[in-house]
């Protein structure tokens, strides 16, 4: 499924249009990918991936880059702040 996340929504910040960011859970669900598939794609145990969905600030940089590549999005489109909407 091809999906440009930037077309889903935008927010305004300090008078500029900023692309909306999404959590890895939101991206995964939009792309209809299971937690197991995402975990396998970046080489971690599914429990680790599940923990990242709850605490995305704990994702190592290398794994964040791998997730972005797997999901087909830019790292700037991912919200790495737990429970903080953008």
C-alpha atoms as a PDB file:
ATOM      1  CA  UNK A   1       0.000   0.000   0.000  1.00  0.00           C
ATOM      2  CA  UNK A   2       1.552   3.297  -1.081  1.00  0.00           C
ATOM      3  CA  UNK A   3       0.685   6.094   1.279  1.00  0.00           C
ATOM      4  CA  UNK A   4       2.260   9.481   1.616  1.00  0.00           C
ATOM      5  CA  UNK A   5       1.883  10.364   5.245  1.00  0.00           C
ATOM      6  CA  UNK A   6       2.349  14.060   4.551  1.00  0.00           C
ATOM      7  CA  UNK A   7      -0.887  14.126   2.574  1.00  0.00           C
ATOM      8  CA  UNK A   8      -2.837  12.834   5.569  1.00  0.00           C
ATOM      9  CA  UNK A   9      -2.548  16.058   7.549  1.00  0.00           C
ATOM     10  CA  UNK A  10      -0.569  19.157   8.335  1.00  0.00           C
ATOM     11  CA  UNK A  11      -0.224  21.292  11.436  1.00  0.00           C
ATOM     12  CA  UNK A  12       0.735  24.929  11.860  1.00  0.00           C
ATOM     13  CA  UNK A  13       3.586  25.907  14.134  1.00  0.00           C
ATOM     14  CA  UNK A  14       4.834  29.483  14.468  1.00  0.00           C
ATOM     15  CA  UNK A  15       3.053  30.484  11.291  1.00  0.00           C
ATOM     16  CA  UNK A  16       4.659  27.757   9.173  1.00  0.00           C
ATOM     17  CA  UNK A  17       3.002  24.667   7.758  1.00  0.00           C
ATOM     18  CA  UNK A  18       4.717  21.676   9.254  1.00  0.00           C
ATOM     19  CA  UNK A  19       4.171  18.088   8.147  1.00  0.00           C
ATOM     20  CA  UNK A  20       2.155  16.119  10.687  1.00  0.00           C
ATOM     21  CA  UNK A  21       4.115  13.410  12.418  1.00  0.00           C
ATOM     22  CA  UNK A  22       2.803   9.981  13.299  1.00  0.00           C
ATOM     23  CA  UNK A  23       3.738   7.422  15.919  1.00  0.00           C
ATOM     24  CA  UNK A  24       5.198   4.143  14.735  1.00  0.00           C
ATOM     25  CA  UNK A  25       1.952   2.509  15.828  1.00  0.00           C
ATOM     26  CA  UNK A  26      -0.106   4.864  13.637  1.00  0.00           C
ATOM     27  CA  UNK A  27       2.185   4.277  10.662  1.00  0.00           C
ATOM     28  CA  UNK A  28       2.154   0.520  11.195  1.00  0.00           C
ATOM     29  CA  UNK A  29      -1.647   0.451  11.334  1.00  0.00           C
ATOM     30  CA  UNK A  30      -2.029   2.691   8.248  1.00  0.00           C
ATOM     31  CA  UNK A  31       0.233   0.345   6.309  1.00  0.00           C
ATOM     32  CA  UNK A  32      -1.500  -2.767   7.706  1.00  0.00           C
ATOM     33  CA  UNK A  33       1.688  -4.272   9.121  1.00  0.00           C
ATOM     34  CA  UNK A  34       1.747  -6.493  12.199  1.00  0.00           C
ATOM     35  CA  UNK A  35       3.968  -5.818  15.183  1.00  0.00           C
ATOM     36  CA  UNK A  36       5.760  -9.097  14.450  1.00  0.00           C
ATOM     37  CA  UNK A  37       6.464  -8.038  10.851  1.00  0.00           C
ATOM     38  CA  UNK A  38       7.873  -4.695  11.987  1.00  0.00           C
ATOM     39  CA  UNK A  39      10.015  -6.363  14.648  1.00  0.00           C
ATOM     40  CA  UNK A  40      11.359  -8.906  12.164  1.00  0.00           C
ATOM     41  CA  UNK A  41      12.142  -6.172   9.628  1.00  0.00           C
ATOM     42  CA  UNK A  42      14.451  -4.334  12.037  1.00  0.00           C
ATOM     43  CA  UNK A  43      15.826  -7.422  13.779  1.00  0.00           C
ATOM     44  CA  UNK A  44      14.368  -7.148  17.265  1.00  0.00           C
ATOM     45  CA  UNK A  45      12.116  -9.337  19.394  1.00  0.00           C
ATOM     46  CA  UNK A  46       8.439  -8.509  19.095  1.00  0.00           C
ATOM     47  CA  UNK A  47       8.334  -7.555  22.792  1.00  0.00           C
ATOM     48  CA  UNK A  48      11.015  -4.940  22.140  1.00  0.00           C
ATOM     49  CA  UNK A  49       8.995  -3.501  19.274  1.00  0.00           C
ATOM     50  CA  UNK A  50       5.844  -3.438  21.418  1.00  0.00           C
ATOM     51  CA  UNK A  51       7.764  -1.534  24.101  1.00  0.00           C
ATOM     52  CA  UNK A  52       8.890   0.988  21.469  1.00  0.00           C
ATOM     53  CA  UNK A  53       5.292   1.694  20.523  1.00  0.00           C
ATOM     54  CA  UNK A  54       4.694   2.646  24.170  1.00  0.00           C
ATOM     55  CA  UNK A  55       8.014   4.462  24.676  1.00  0.00           C
ATOM     56  CA  UNK A  56       9.278   5.604  21.268  1.00  0.00           C
ATOM     57  CA  UNK A  57      11.913   7.855  22.823  1.00  0.00           C
ATOM     58  CA  UNK A  58      13.793   4.648  23.742  1.00  0.00           C
ATOM     59  CA  UNK A  59      14.300   3.554  20.112  1.00  0.00           C
ATOM     60  CA  UNK A  60      18.018   3.544  19.239  1.00  0.00           C
ATOM     61  CA  UNK A  61      18.884   5.848  16.342  1.00  0.00           C
ATOM     62  CA  UNK A  62      19.991   2.993  14.076  1.00  0.00           C
ATOM     63  CA  UNK A  63      16.697   1.183  14.673  1.00  0.00           C
ATOM     64  CA  UNK A  64      14.718   4.404  14.123  1.00  0.00           C
ATOM     65  CA  UNK A  65      16.375   4.762  10.726  1.00  0.00           C
ATOM     66  CA  UNK A  66      15.650   1.109   9.942  1.00  0.00           C
ATOM     67  CA  UNK A  67      11.988   1.544  10.933  1.00  0.00           C
ATOM     68  CA  UNK A  68      11.636   4.636   8.755  1.00  0.00           C
ATOM     69  CA  UNK A  69      13.137   2.779   5.804  1.00  0.00           C
ATOM     70  CA  UNK A  70      10.926  -0.258   6.386  1.00  0.00           C
ATOM     71  CA  UNK A  71       7.795   1.877   6.663  1.00  0.00           C
ATOM     72  CA  UNK A  72       8.833   3.906   3.617  1.00  0.00           C
ATOM     73  CA  UNK A  73       8.712   7.235   5.418  1.00  0.00           C
ATOM     74  CA  UNK A  74      11.155   9.941   6.397  1.00  0.00           C
ATOM     75  CA  UNK A  75      12.445   9.927   9.962  1.00  0.00           C
ATOM     76  CA  UNK A  76      11.020  13.452  10.264  1.00  0.00           C
ATOM     77  CA  UNK A  77       7.526  12.013   9.767  1.00  0.00           C
ATOM     78  CA  UNK A  78       7.830   9.842  12.887  1.00  0.00           C
ATOM     79  CA  UNK A  79       6.877  11.180  16.308  1.00  0.00           C
ATOM     80  CA  UNK A  80       9.435   9.847  18.796  1.00  0.00           C
ATOM     81  CA  UNK A  81       7.814  11.470  21.843  1.00  0.00           C
ATOM     82  CA  UNK A  82       5.576   9.251  23.936  1.00  0.00           C
ATOM     83  CA  UNK A  83       2.022  10.494  24.400  1.00  0.00           C
ATOM     84  CA  UNK A  84       2.782  13.919  22.936  1.00  0.00           C
ATOM     85  CA  UNK A  85       0.595  14.664  19.923  1.00  0.00           C
ATOM     86  CA  UNK A  86       1.936  16.906  17.192  1.00  0.00           C
END
